[in-house]
Amino acid sequence: MRKSGLTLLLVMATLAMTGCAPLVIGGAVAVVADEAIEQDKGGDGLF
């Protein structure tokens, strides 16, 4: 029982991370773009 519960938890965590991956990647791209604009033009950047 314990091993099957752990396996189910692992599968659910993997599916949750897979579903959130586009959001995480998009957020990272926005942060990098903001930093690049700040370095290039000064000021507050994009946000």
PDB file of N, CA and C in Angstrom:
ATOM      1  N   MET A   1       0.827  -1.192   0.000  1.00  0.00           N
ATOM      2  CA  MET A   1       0.000   0.000   0.000  1.00  0.00           C
ATOM      3  C   MET A   1       0.870   1.255   0.000  1.00  0.00           C
ATOM      4  N   ARG A   2       1.902   1.269   0.813  1.00  0.00           N
ATOM      5  CA  ARG A   2       2.754   2.452   0.923  1.00  0.00           C
ATOM      6  C   ARG A   2       3.481   2.728  -0.388  1.00  0.00           C
ATOM      7  N   LYS A   3       3.973   1.694  -1.039  1.00  0.00           N
ATOM      8  CA  LYS A   3       4.726   1.879  -2.275  1.00  0.00           C
ATOM      9  C   LYS A   3       3.821   2.382  -3.403  1.00  0.00           C
ATOM     10  N   SER A   4       2.600   1.877  -3.493  1.00  0.00           N
ATOM     11  CA  SER A   4       1.691   2.334  -4.548  1.00  0.00           C
ATOM     12  C   SER A   4       1.266   3.789  -4.306  1.00  0.00           C
ATOM     13  N   GLY A   5       1.115   4.179  -3.063  1.00  0.00           N
ATOM     14  CA  GLY A   5       0.778   5.565  -2.756  1.00  0.00           C
ATOM     15  C   GLY A   5       1.907   6.504  -3.134  1.00  0.00           C
ATOM     16  N   LEU A   6       3.126   6.086  -2.866  1.00  0.00           N
ATOM     17  CA  LEU A   6       4.292   6.892  -3.225  1.00  0.00           C
ATOM     18  C   LEU A   6       4.411   7.019  -4.740  1.00  0.00           C
ATOM     19  N   THR A   7       4.145   5.951  -5.448  1.00  0.00           N
ATOM     20  CA  THR A   7       4.189   5.976  -6.908  1.00  0.00           C
ATOM     21  C   THR A   7       3.122   6.918  -7.455  1.00  0.00           C
ATOM     22  N   LEU A   8       1.930   6.867  -6.886  1.00  0.00           N
ATOM     23  CA  LEU A   8       0.853   7.747  -7.322  1.00  0.00           C
ATOM     24  C   LEU A   8       1.220   9.212  -7.067  1.00  0.00           C
ATOM     25  N   LEU A   9       1.810   9.484  -5.923  1.00  0.00           N
ATOM     26  CA  LEU A   9       2.234  10.833  -5.604  1.00  0.00           C
ATOM     27  C   LEU A   9       3.285  11.329  -6.596  1.00  0.00           C
ATOM     28  N   LEU A  10       4.227  10.481  -6.951  1.00  0.00           N
ATOM     29  CA  LEU A  10       5.262  10.837  -7.911  1.00  0.00           C
ATOM     30  C   LEU A  10       4.668  11.140  -9.282  1.00  0.00           C
ATOM     31  N   VAL A  11       3.715  10.317  -9.716  1.00  0.00           N
ATOM     32  CA  VAL A  11       3.071  10.530 -11.016  1.00  0.00           C
ATOM     33  C   VAL A  11       2.296  11.847 -11.022  1.00  0.00           C
ATOM     34  N   MET A  12       1.571  12.122  -9.948  1.00  0.00           N
ATOM     35  CA  MET A  12       0.799  13.364  -9.862  1.00  0.00           C
ATOM     36  C   MET A  12       1.723  14.586  -9.848  1.00  0.00           C
ATOM     37  N   ALA A  13       2.836  14.510  -9.141  1.00  0.00           N
ATOM     38  CA  ALA A  13       3.787  15.623  -9.102  1.00  0.00           C
ATOM     39  C   ALA A  13       4.391  15.861 -10.481  1.00  0.00           C
ATOM     40  N   THR A  14       4.697  14.797 -11.192  1.00  0.00           N
ATOM     41  CA  THR A  14       5.259  14.918 -12.536  1.00  0.00           C
ATOM     42  C   THR A  14       4.267  15.582 -13.478  1.00  0.00           C
ATOM     43  N   LEU A  15       3.003  15.163 -13.398  1.00  0.00           N
ATOM     44  CA  LEU A  15       1.980  15.764 -14.254  1.00  0.00           C
ATOM     45  C   LEU A  15       1.771  17.239 -13.910  1.00  0.00           C
ATOM     46  N   ALA A  16       1.817  17.572 -12.646  1.00  0.00           N
ATOM     47  CA  ALA A  16       1.643  18.969 -12.236  1.00  0.00           C
ATOM     48  C   ALA A  16       2.790  19.825 -12.748  1.00  0.00           C
ATOM     49  N   MET A  17       4.014  19.321 -12.643  1.00  0.00           N
ATOM     50  CA  MET A  17       5.166  20.080 -13.127  1.00  0.00           C
ATOM     51  C   MET A  17       5.119  20.230 -14.641  1.00  0.00           C
ATOM     52  N   THR A  18       4.673  19.197 -15.332  1.00  0.00           N
ATOM     53  CA  THR A  18       4.582  19.263 -16.788  1.00  0.00           C
ATOM     54  C   THR A  18       3.554  20.308 -17.204  1.00  0.00           C
ATOM     55  N   GLY A  19       2.450  20.381 -16.488  1.00  0.00           N
ATOM     56  CA  GLY A  19       1.417  21.362 -16.802  1.00  0.00           C
ATOM     57  C   GLY A  19       1.871  22.786 -16.547  1.00  0.00           C
ATOM     58  N   CYS A  20       2.728  22.989 -15.577  1.00  0.00           N
ATOM     59  CA  CYS A  20       3.182  24.336 -15.217  1.00  0.00           C
ATOM     60  C   CYS A  20       4.430  24.762 -15.981  1.00  0.00           C
ATOM     61  N   ALA A  21       5.044  23.864 -16.684  1.00  0.00           N
ATOM     62  CA  ALA A  21       6.302  24.171 -17.365  1.00  0.00           C
ATOM     63  C   ALA A  21       6.196  25.372 -18.307  1.00  0.00           C
ATOM     64  N   PRO A  22       5.143  25.489 -19.136  1.00  0.00           N
ATOM     65  CA  PRO A  22       5.071  26.670 -20.016  1.00  0.00           C
ATOM     66  C   PRO A  22       5.003  27.983 -19.237  1.00  0.00           C
ATOM     67  N   LEU A  23       4.326  27.984 -18.099  1.00  0.00           N
ATOM     68  CA  LEU A  23       4.245  29.196 -17.291  1.00  0.00           C
ATOM     69  C   LEU A  23       5.601  29.561 -16.704  1.00  0.00           C
ATOM     70  N   VAL A  24       6.324  28.557 -16.243  1.00  0.00           N
ATOM     71  CA  VAL A  24       7.641  28.794 -15.654  1.00  0.00           C
ATOM     72  C   VAL A  24       8.610  29.301 -16.712  1.00  0.00           C
ATOM     73  N   ILE A  25       8.586  28.686 -17.877  1.00  0.00           N
ATOM     74  CA  ILE A  25       9.482  29.097 -18.964  1.00  0.00           C
ATOM     75  C   ILE A  25       9.130  30.501 -19.445  1.00  0.00           C
ATOM     76  N   GLY A  26       7.833  30.783 -19.580  1.00  0.00           N
ATOM     77  CA  GLY A  26       7.401  32.120 -20.003  1.00  0.00           C
ATOM     78  C   GLY A  26       7.814  33.187 -19.002  1.00  0.00           C
ATOM     79  N   GLY A  27       7.690  32.875 -17.722  1.00  0.00           N
ATOM     80  CA  GLY A  27       8.106  33.819 -16.685  1.00  0.00           C
ATOM     81  C   GLY A  27       9.598  34.079 -16.732  1.00  0.00           C
ATOM     82  N   ALA A  28      10.371  33.027 -16.950  1.00  0.00           N
ATOM     83  CA  ALA A  28      11.823  33.178 -17.024  1.00  0.00           C
ATOM     84  C   ALA A  28      12.223  34.039 -18.222  1.00  0.00           C
ATOM     85  N   VAL A  29      11.543  33.850 -19.345  1.00  0.00           N
ATOM     86  CA  VAL A  29      11.839  34.651 -20.534  1.00  0.00           C
ATOM     87  C   VAL A  29      11.516  36.122 -20.272  1.00  0.00           C
ATOM     88  N   ALA A  30      10.409  36.383 -19.595  1.00  0.00           N
ATOM     89  CA  ALA A  30      10.033  37.769 -19.294  1.00  0.00           C
ATOM     90  C   ALA A  30      11.063  38.435 -18.385  1.00  0.00           C
ATOM     91  N   VAL A  31      11.556  37.704 -17.404  1.00  0.00           N
ATOM     92  CA  VAL A  31      12.551  38.258 -16.486  1.00  0.00           C
ATOM     93  C   VAL A  31      13.849  38.570 -17.229  1.00  0.00           C
ATOM     94  N   VAL A  32      14.283  37.670 -18.086  1.00  0.00           N
ATOM     95  CA  VAL A  32      15.516  37.893 -18.854  1.00  0.00           C
ATOM     96  C   VAL A  32      15.343  39.085 -19.806  1.00  0.00           C
ATOM     97  N   ALA A  33      14.187  39.176 -20.468  1.00  0.00           N
ATOM     98  CA  ALA A  33      13.949  40.294 -21.379  1.00  0.00           C
ATOM     99  C   ALA A  33      13.930  41.617 -20.618  1.00  0.00           C
ATOM    100  N   ASP A  34      13.317  41.629 -19.442  1.00  0.00           N
ATOM    101  CA  ASP A  34      13.267  42.832 -18.622  1.00  0.00           C
ATOM    102  C   ASP A  34      14.670  43.267 -18.216  1.00  0.00           C
ATOM    103  N   GLU A  35      15.478  42.313 -17.803  1.00  0.00           N
ATOM    104  CA  GLU A  35      16.857  42.618 -17.404  1.00  0.00           C
ATOM    105  C   GLU A  35      17.666  43.152 -18.587  1.00  0.00           C
ATOM    106  N   ALA A  36      17.450  42.588 -19.768  1.00  0.00           N
ATOM    107  CA  ALA A  36      18.179  43.045 -20.955  1.00  0.00           C
ATOM    108  C   ALA A  36      17.794  44.475 -21.309  1.00  0.00           C
ATOM    109  N   ILE A  37      16.515  44.808 -21.219  1.00  0.00           N
ATOM    110  CA  ILE A  37      16.066  46.174 -21.511  1.00  0.00           C
ATOM    111  C   ILE A  37      16.638  47.148 -20.491  1.00  0.00           C
ATOM    112  N   GLU A  38      16.652  46.752 -19.213  1.00  0.00           N
ATOM    113  CA  GLU A  38      17.225  47.609 -18.177  1.00  0.00           C
ATOM    114  C   GLU A  38      18.700  47.893 -18.446  1.00  0.00           C
ATOM    115  N   GLN A  39      19.437  46.861 -18.827  1.00  0.00           N
ATOM    116  CA  GLN A  39      20.854  47.040 -19.092  1.00  0.00           C
ATOM    117  C   GLN A  39      21.106  47.899 -20.331  1.00  0.00           C
ATOM    118  N   ASP A  40      20.253  47.729 -21.339  1.00  0.00           N
ATOM    119  CA  ASP A  40      20.439  48.427 -22.600  1.00  0.00           C
ATOM    120  C   ASP A  40      20.019  49.901 -22.516  1.00  0.00           C
ATOM    121  N   LYS A  41      18.838  50.142 -21.953  1.00  0.00           N
ATOM    122  CA  LYS A  41      18.282  51.494 -21.979  1.00  0.00           C
ATOM    123  C   LYS A  41      18.203  52.161 -20.623  1.00  0.00           C
ATOM    124  N   GLY A  42      18.510  51.418 -19.562  1.00  0.00           N
ATOM    125  CA  GLY A  42      18.408  51.987 -18.226  1.00  0.00           C
ATOM    126  C   GLY A  42      16.952  52.077 -17.786  1.00  0.00           C
ATOM    127  N   GLY A  43      16.720  52.642 -16.638  1.00  0.00           N
ATOM    128  CA  GLY A  43      15.352  52.812 -16.169  1.00  0.00           C
ATOM    129  C   GLY A  43      14.784  51.539 -15.565  1.00  0.00           C
ATOM    130  N   ASP A  44      13.460  51.416 -15.711  1.00  0.00           N
ATOM    131  CA  ASP A  44      12.753  50.291 -15.097  1.00  0.00           C
ATOM    132  C   ASP A  44      12.605  49.089 -15.997  1.00  0.00           C
ATOM    133  N   GLY A  45      12.996  49.153 -17.223  1.00  0.00           N
ATOM    134  CA  GLY A  45      12.839  48.020 -18.132  1.00  0.00           C
ATOM    135  C   GLY A  45      11.409  47.898 -18.619  1.00  0.00           C
ATOM    136  N   LEU A  46      10.954  46.695 -18.796  1.00  0.00           N
ATOM    137  CA  LEU A  46       9.606  46.459 -19.307  1.00  0.00           C
ATOM    138  C   LEU A  46       8.531  46.609 -18.238  1.00  0.00           C
ATOM    139  N   PHE A  47       8.857  46.245 -17.013  1.00  0.00           N
ATOM    140  CA  PHE A  47       7.839  46.207 -15.956  1.00  0.00           C
ATOM    141  C   PHE A  47       8.128  47.219 -14.899  1.00  0.00           C
TER     142      PHE A  47
END
